[in-house]
């Protein structure tokens, strides 16, 4: 049975996910968002990043991590 990752490990996975998604969204949508005022750019960015990280990226990374921990060494 796989153990639950420590709070520090989950924090690192979450940070890596958030950082990666922010970079990706800025790279893809930067020119479209650039003319908007900062509060509106931040609203759009977080409206995309937060659900993606919470519902897709972090759960996927935790599943991969659990599979890797279950592998025989």
N, C-alpha and C. Protein backbone atom coordinates (compact mmCIF):
# COMPACT_ATOMS: atom_id res chain seq x y z
N UNK A 1 0.85 -1.19 0.00
CA UNK A 1 0.00 0.00 0.00
C UNK A 1 0.88 1.25 0.00
N UNK A 2 0.58 2.19 -0.87
CA UNK A 2 1.37 3.41 -0.97
C UNK A 2 0.98 4.38 0.13
N UNK A 3 1.98 4.99 0.72
CA UNK A 3 1.70 5.96 1.78
C UNK A 3 1.41 7.32 1.17
N UNK A 4 0.71 8.14 1.93
CA UNK A 4 0.41 9.50 1.49
C UNK A 4 1.68 10.32 1.53
N UNK A 5 1.94 11.12 0.47
CA UNK A 5 3.14 11.95 0.49
C UNK A 5 3.08 12.97 1.63
N UNK A 6 4.23 13.36 2.12
CA UNK A 6 4.28 14.34 3.20
C UNK A 6 3.73 15.68 2.73
N UNK A 7 3.40 16.52 3.68
CA UNK A 7 2.89 17.85 3.35
C UNK A 7 3.94 18.63 2.56
N UNK A 8 5.20 18.40 2.84
CA UNK A 8 6.28 19.11 2.12
C UNK A 8 6.34 18.63 0.67
N UNK A 9 6.16 17.34 0.48
CA UNK A 9 6.16 16.79 -0.88
C UNK A 9 4.96 17.31 -1.66
N UNK A 10 3.78 17.32 -1.06
CA UNK A 10 2.59 17.85 -1.72
C UNK A 10 2.76 19.34 -2.04
N UNK A 11 3.38 20.08 -1.13
CA UNK A 11 3.62 21.51 -1.37
C UNK A 11 4.55 21.70 -2.57
N UNK A 12 5.58 20.87 -2.65
CA UNK A 12 6.52 20.97 -3.78
C UNK A 12 5.82 20.63 -5.09
N UNK A 13 4.99 19.59 -5.10
CA UNK A 13 4.25 19.22 -6.30
C UNK A 13 3.29 20.34 -6.69
N UNK A 14 2.61 20.91 -5.72
CA UNK A 14 1.67 22.00 -6.00
C UNK A 14 2.41 23.22 -6.55
N UNK A 15 3.53 23.57 -5.94
CA UNK A 15 4.31 24.72 -6.42
C UNK A 15 4.79 24.49 -7.84
N UNK A 16 5.32 23.32 -8.10
CA UNK A 16 5.80 23.00 -9.44
C UNK A 16 4.66 23.08 -10.46
N UNK A 17 3.50 22.60 -10.09
CA UNK A 17 2.33 22.65 -10.97
C UNK A 17 1.89 24.08 -11.24
N UNK A 18 1.77 24.86 -10.19
CA UNK A 18 1.33 26.26 -10.34
C UNK A 18 2.34 27.05 -11.17
N UNK A 19 3.61 26.91 -10.86
CA UNK A 19 4.66 27.64 -11.59
C UNK A 19 4.61 27.27 -13.08
N UNK A 20 4.53 25.97 -13.36
CA UNK A 20 4.52 25.50 -14.75
C UNK A 20 3.31 26.01 -15.51
N UNK A 21 2.15 25.95 -14.86
CA UNK A 21 0.93 26.41 -15.53
C UNK A 21 0.94 27.92 -15.76
N UNK A 22 1.44 28.68 -14.80
CA UNK A 22 1.52 30.13 -14.99
C UNK A 22 2.44 30.45 -16.16
N UNK A 23 3.59 29.78 -16.23
CA UNK A 23 4.51 30.01 -17.34
C UNK A 23 3.85 29.64 -18.67
N UNK A 24 3.16 28.52 -18.71
CA UNK A 24 2.51 28.06 -19.94
C UNK A 24 1.43 29.04 -20.39
N UNK A 25 0.57 29.42 -19.47
CA UNK A 25 -0.53 30.34 -19.83
C UNK A 25 0.03 31.69 -20.27
N UNK A 26 1.05 32.18 -19.60
CA UNK A 26 1.65 33.46 -20.01
C UNK A 26 2.30 33.35 -21.37
N UNK A 27 2.96 32.23 -21.64
CA UNK A 27 3.61 32.05 -22.93
C UNK A 27 2.57 31.99 -24.06
N UNK A 28 1.47 31.30 -23.80
CA UNK A 28 0.45 31.13 -24.84
C UNK A 28 -0.44 32.35 -24.98
N UNK A 29 -0.85 32.92 -23.85
CA UNK A 29 -1.84 34.01 -23.90
C UNK A 29 -1.25 35.39 -23.60
N UNK A 30 0.05 35.46 -23.39
CA UNK A 30 0.68 36.74 -23.05
C UNK A 30 0.31 37.90 -23.95
N UNK A 31 0.46 37.73 -25.27
CA UNK A 31 0.12 38.85 -26.16
C UNK A 31 -1.35 39.27 -26.09
N UNK A 32 -2.23 38.31 -25.85
CA UNK A 32 -3.67 38.62 -25.77
C UNK A 32 -3.97 39.35 -24.47
N UNK A 33 -3.30 38.93 -23.38
CA UNK A 33 -3.58 39.52 -22.07
C UNK A 33 -2.82 40.82 -21.82
N UNK A 34 -1.74 41.06 -22.54
CA UNK A 34 -0.87 42.23 -22.29
C UNK A 34 -1.61 43.56 -22.23
N UNK A 35 -2.56 43.83 -23.13
CA UNK A 35 -3.21 45.15 -23.07
C UNK A 35 -4.16 45.32 -21.89
N UNK A 36 -4.54 44.24 -21.23
CA UNK A 36 -5.49 44.33 -20.12
C UNK A 36 -4.82 44.92 -18.88
N UNK A 37 -5.60 45.59 -18.03
CA UNK A 37 -5.04 46.08 -16.76
C UNK A 37 -4.61 44.88 -15.90
N UNK A 38 -3.62 45.09 -15.06
CA UNK A 38 -3.05 44.02 -14.24
C UNK A 38 -4.11 43.23 -13.45
N UNK A 39 -5.06 43.88 -12.77
CA UNK A 39 -6.06 43.08 -12.04
C UNK A 39 -6.87 42.15 -12.95
N UNK A 40 -7.20 42.60 -14.15
CA UNK A 40 -7.96 41.76 -15.07
C UNK A 40 -7.10 40.63 -15.63
N UNK A 41 -5.82 40.93 -15.96
CA UNK A 41 -4.89 39.88 -16.41
C UNK A 41 -4.75 38.81 -15.34
N UNK A 42 -4.62 39.24 -14.09
CA UNK A 42 -4.47 38.30 -12.98
C UNK A 42 -5.74 37.47 -12.82
N UNK A 43 -6.89 38.09 -12.96
CA UNK A 43 -8.17 37.37 -12.86
C UNK A 43 -8.26 36.28 -13.93
N UNK A 44 -7.94 36.62 -15.16
CA UNK A 44 -8.01 35.65 -16.26
C UNK A 44 -6.98 34.53 -16.03
N UNK A 45 -5.78 34.90 -15.67
CA UNK A 45 -4.71 33.92 -15.43
C UNK A 45 -5.10 32.94 -14.33
N UNK A 46 -5.58 33.45 -13.21
CA UNK A 46 -5.94 32.56 -12.11
C UNK A 46 -7.20 31.74 -12.41
N UNK A 47 -8.10 32.29 -13.22
CA UNK A 47 -9.30 31.55 -13.61
C UNK A 47 -8.95 30.33 -14.47
N UNK A 48 -7.84 30.39 -15.17
CA UNK A 48 -7.38 29.27 -15.98
C UNK A 48 -6.49 28.34 -15.15
N UNK A 49 -5.54 28.91 -14.42
CA UNK A 49 -4.52 28.11 -13.74
C UNK A 49 -5.07 27.33 -12.55
N UNK A 50 -5.85 27.97 -11.70
CA UNK A 50 -6.30 27.30 -10.47
C UNK A 50 -7.12 26.05 -10.75
N UNK A 51 -8.15 26.10 -11.57
CA UNK A 51 -8.89 24.86 -11.84
C UNK A 51 -8.03 23.79 -12.51
N UNK A 52 -7.17 24.20 -13.44
CA UNK A 52 -6.31 23.23 -14.12
C UNK A 52 -5.39 22.53 -13.14
N UNK A 53 -4.81 23.29 -12.22
CA UNK A 53 -3.89 22.71 -11.24
C UNK A 53 -4.65 21.83 -10.25
N UNK A 54 -5.76 22.31 -9.73
CA UNK A 54 -6.49 21.58 -8.70
C UNK A 54 -7.13 20.30 -9.23
N UNK A 55 -7.73 20.37 -10.42
CA UNK A 55 -8.49 19.23 -10.92
C UNK A 55 -7.72 18.32 -11.87
N UNK A 56 -6.61 18.78 -12.43
CA UNK A 56 -5.92 17.96 -13.42
C UNK A 56 -4.45 17.74 -13.10
N UNK A 57 -3.68 18.80 -12.95
CA UNK A 57 -2.23 18.66 -12.88
C UNK A 57 -1.78 17.99 -11.59
N UNK A 58 -2.17 18.50 -10.43
CA UNK A 58 -1.73 17.92 -9.16
C UNK A 58 -2.22 16.48 -9.01
N UNK A 59 -3.50 16.18 -9.25
CA UNK A 59 -3.92 14.78 -9.14
C UNK A 59 -3.12 13.85 -10.08
N UNK A 60 -2.84 14.31 -11.28
CA UNK A 60 -2.06 13.49 -12.20
C UNK A 60 -0.66 13.25 -11.68
N UNK A 61 -0.02 14.29 -11.19
CA UNK A 61 1.35 14.13 -10.64
C UNK A 61 1.35 13.23 -9.41
N UNK A 62 0.33 13.33 -8.57
CA UNK A 62 0.27 12.46 -7.40
C UNK A 62 0.06 11.00 -7.80
N UNK A 63 -0.74 10.76 -8.85
CA UNK A 63 -0.91 9.38 -9.34
C UNK A 63 0.40 8.83 -9.89
N UNK A 64 1.11 9.63 -10.66
CA UNK A 64 2.40 9.20 -11.20
C UNK A 64 3.37 8.91 -10.06
N UNK A 65 3.41 9.80 -9.09
CA UNK A 65 4.30 9.62 -7.94
C UNK A 65 3.95 8.35 -7.18
N UNK A 66 2.67 8.06 -7.01
CA UNK A 66 2.25 6.85 -6.30
C UNK A 66 2.66 5.61 -7.09
N UNK A 67 2.50 5.64 -8.41
CA UNK A 67 2.91 4.51 -9.24
C UNK A 67 4.41 4.27 -9.14
N UNK A 68 5.17 5.35 -9.15
CA UNK A 68 6.62 5.21 -9.05
C UNK A 68 7.04 4.63 -7.70
N UNK A 69 6.35 5.00 -6.65
CA UNK A 69 6.69 4.50 -5.32
C UNK A 69 6.32 3.03 -5.14
N UNK A 70 5.31 2.56 -5.91
CA UNK A 70 4.89 1.16 -5.82
C UNK A 70 5.79 0.22 -6.61
N UNK A 71 6.57 0.76 -7.54
CA UNK A 71 7.41 -0.08 -8.39
C UNK A 71 8.45 -0.80 -7.55
N UNK A 72 8.67 -2.06 -7.88
CA UNK A 72 9.73 -2.79 -7.17
C UNK A 72 11.10 -2.22 -7.52
N UNK A 73 11.98 -2.23 -6.56
CA UNK A 73 13.32 -1.65 -6.80
C UNK A 73 14.31 -2.71 -7.04
